[in-house]
Amino acid sequence: MNQNLLNTILLSLAFVAMVIGVHRSIYESDIASNYWIFMIGLVFFMVYRYRKKKQKA
């Protein structure tokens, strides 16, 4: 798979997870129950950043 495409997919998944987490937190008025969604988004973003740094080196 193309590396740039994979990076774009990872960044998109991170963004979508954060948007879903914010939406559910507003809808349910509870951030704690949606913590896991934010952590999934954070993991996707961390993997994206790791891959970008590895490509530049």
N, C-alpha and C. Protein backbone atom coordinates (compact mmCIF):
# COMPACT_ATOMS: atom_id res chain seq x y z
N MET A 1 0.84 -1.17 0.00
CA MET A 1 0.00 0.00 0.00
C MET A 1 0.89 1.24 0.00
N ASN A 2 0.43 2.25 -0.66
CA ASN A 2 1.16 3.51 -0.72
C ASN A 2 1.29 4.11 0.68
N GLN A 3 2.50 4.53 1.05
CA GLN A 3 2.76 5.05 2.40
C GLN A 3 2.00 6.36 2.66
N ASN A 4 1.91 7.21 1.65
CA ASN A 4 1.17 8.46 1.83
C ASN A 4 -0.32 8.21 2.03
N LEU A 5 -0.85 7.21 1.33
CA LEU A 5 -2.25 6.86 1.49
C LEU A 5 -2.51 6.34 2.90
N LEU A 6 -1.63 5.51 3.41
CA LEU A 6 -1.78 4.98 4.75
C LEU A 6 -1.70 6.10 5.80
N ASN A 7 -0.79 7.05 5.59
CA ASN A 7 -0.70 8.19 6.50
C ASN A 7 -1.98 9.02 6.48
N THR A 8 -2.55 9.21 5.30
CA THR A 8 -3.79 9.97 5.18
C THR A 8 -4.93 9.24 5.87
N ILE A 9 -4.98 7.94 5.73
CA ILE A 9 -6.02 7.15 6.39
C ILE A 9 -5.89 7.23 7.91
N LEU A 10 -4.66 7.13 8.42
CA LEU A 10 -4.44 7.22 9.86
C LEU A 10 -4.87 8.58 10.41
N LEU A 11 -4.50 9.64 9.71
CA LEU A 11 -4.88 10.98 10.15
C LEU A 11 -6.39 11.17 10.08
N SER A 12 -7.01 10.64 9.05
CA SER A 12 -8.47 10.74 8.92
C SER A 12 -9.18 9.98 10.03
N LEU A 13 -8.69 8.79 10.36
CA LEU A 13 -9.29 8.01 11.44
C LEU A 13 -9.14 8.72 12.78
N ALA A 14 -7.99 9.35 12.99
CA ALA A 14 -7.78 10.11 14.23
C ALA A 14 -8.79 11.25 14.33
N PHE A 15 -8.96 11.97 13.23
CA PHE A 15 -9.90 13.09 13.22
C PHE A 15 -11.33 12.62 13.44
N VAL A 16 -11.72 11.56 12.76
CA VAL A 16 -13.09 11.05 12.88
C VAL A 16 -13.36 10.56 14.30
N ALA A 17 -12.39 9.88 14.90
CA ALA A 17 -12.58 9.41 16.28
C ALA A 17 -12.76 10.58 17.24
N MET A 18 -11.99 11.64 17.05
CA MET A 18 -12.14 12.81 17.92
C MET A 18 -13.51 13.48 17.72
N VAL A 19 -13.94 13.59 16.49
CA VAL A 19 -15.25 14.20 16.22
C VAL A 19 -16.37 13.36 16.82
N ILE A 20 -16.28 12.05 16.67
CA ILE A 20 -17.29 11.17 17.26
C ILE A 20 -17.27 11.27 18.78
N GLY A 21 -16.08 11.34 19.36
CA GLY A 21 -15.97 11.48 20.81
C GLY A 21 -16.58 12.77 21.31
N VAL A 22 -16.32 13.87 20.62
CA VAL A 22 -16.91 15.16 21.01
C VAL A 22 -18.42 15.12 20.85
N HIS A 23 -18.89 14.57 19.75
CA HIS A 23 -20.34 14.51 19.51
C HIS A 23 -21.04 13.69 20.59
N ARG A 24 -20.50 12.52 20.89
CA ARG A 24 -21.12 11.68 21.92
C ARG A 24 -21.03 12.31 23.30
N SER A 25 -19.94 13.01 23.57
CA SER A 25 -19.80 13.67 24.87
C SER A 25 -20.82 14.79 25.04
N ILE A 26 -21.08 15.53 23.97
CA ILE A 26 -22.08 16.59 24.03
C ILE A 26 -23.48 15.98 24.13
N TYR A 27 -23.74 14.96 23.35
CA TYR A 27 -25.06 14.34 23.32
C TYR A 27 -25.40 13.67 24.64
N GLU A 28 -24.43 12.97 25.24
CA GLU A 28 -24.67 12.24 26.48
C GLU A 28 -24.33 13.07 27.72
N SER A 29 -23.70 14.23 27.54
CA SER A 29 -23.26 15.10 28.64
C SER A 29 -22.34 14.36 29.61
N ASP A 30 -21.48 13.50 29.06
CA ASP A 30 -20.56 12.73 29.90
C ASP A 30 -19.30 12.41 29.11
N ILE A 31 -18.19 13.03 29.51
CA ILE A 31 -16.92 12.80 28.82
C ILE A 31 -16.30 11.48 29.26
N ALA A 32 -16.47 11.14 30.52
CA ALA A 32 -15.80 9.95 31.08
C ALA A 32 -16.23 8.65 30.38
N SER A 33 -17.48 8.55 29.99
CA SER A 33 -17.94 7.31 29.35
C SER A 33 -17.45 7.20 27.91
N ASN A 34 -16.98 8.32 27.34
CA ASN A 34 -16.48 8.31 25.97
C ASN A 34 -14.97 8.47 25.89
N TYR A 35 -14.33 8.28 27.02
CA TYR A 35 -12.87 8.41 27.11
C TYR A 35 -12.16 7.48 26.14
N TRP A 36 -12.67 6.27 25.99
CA TRP A 36 -12.03 5.28 25.13
C TRP A 36 -12.02 5.73 23.67
N ILE A 37 -13.01 6.47 23.24
CA ILE A 37 -13.04 6.96 21.85
C ILE A 37 -11.92 7.98 21.63
N PHE A 38 -11.73 8.86 22.62
CA PHE A 38 -10.65 9.83 22.52
C PHE A 38 -9.29 9.14 22.50
N MET A 39 -9.15 8.07 23.27
CA MET A 39 -7.87 7.36 23.31
C MET A 39 -7.58 6.64 21.99
N ILE A 40 -8.61 6.14 21.34
CA ILE A 40 -8.42 5.53 20.02
C ILE A 40 -7.94 6.58 19.03
N GLY A 41 -8.56 7.75 19.07
CA GLY A 41 -8.12 8.86 18.21
C GLY A 41 -6.69 9.26 18.49
N LEU A 42 -6.32 9.30 19.77
CA LEU A 42 -4.96 9.65 20.15
C LEU A 42 -3.96 8.61 19.66
N VAL A 43 -4.31 7.34 19.75
CA VAL A 43 -3.42 6.28 19.26
C VAL A 43 -3.22 6.40 17.75
N PHE A 44 -4.29 6.63 17.02
CA PHE A 44 -4.15 6.81 15.57
C PHE A 44 -3.25 7.99 15.25
N PHE A 45 -3.40 9.09 15.99
CA PHE A 45 -2.57 10.26 15.75
C PHE A 45 -1.11 9.99 16.11
N MET A 46 -0.87 9.26 17.19
CA MET A 46 0.51 8.94 17.58
C MET A 46 1.18 8.04 16.54
N VAL A 47 0.44 7.08 16.01
CA VAL A 47 1.00 6.21 14.96
C VAL A 47 1.29 7.03 13.71
N TYR A 48 0.39 7.95 13.38
CA TYR A 48 0.61 8.83 12.24
C TYR A 48 1.89 9.65 12.41
N ARG A 49 2.07 10.28 13.59
CA ARG A 49 3.26 11.09 13.85
C ARG A 49 4.54 10.25 13.82
N TYR A 50 4.48 9.05 14.36
CA TYR A 50 5.63 8.15 14.35
C TYR A 50 6.03 7.81 12.92
N ARG A 51 5.04 7.51 12.09
CA ARG A 51 5.33 7.16 10.70
C ARG A 51 5.90 8.35 9.93
N LYS A 52 5.39 9.56 10.20
CA LYS A 52 5.89 10.76 9.51
C LYS A 52 7.34 11.04 9.91
N LYS A 53 7.66 10.89 11.20
CA LYS A 53 9.04 11.12 11.64
C LYS A 53 9.98 10.08 11.06
N LYS A 54 9.51 8.84 10.99
CA LYS A 54 10.33 7.76 10.46
C LYS A 54 10.61 7.98 8.96
N GLN A 55 9.64 8.51 8.24
CA GLN A 55 9.84 8.77 6.81
C GLN A 55 10.84 9.89 6.56
N LYS A 56 10.85 10.91 7.44
CA LYS A 56 11.77 12.02 7.26
C LYS A 56 13.20 11.65 7.57
N ALA A 57 13.40 10.69 8.46
CA ALA A 57 14.76 10.32 8.86
C ALA A 57 15.46 9.46 7.83
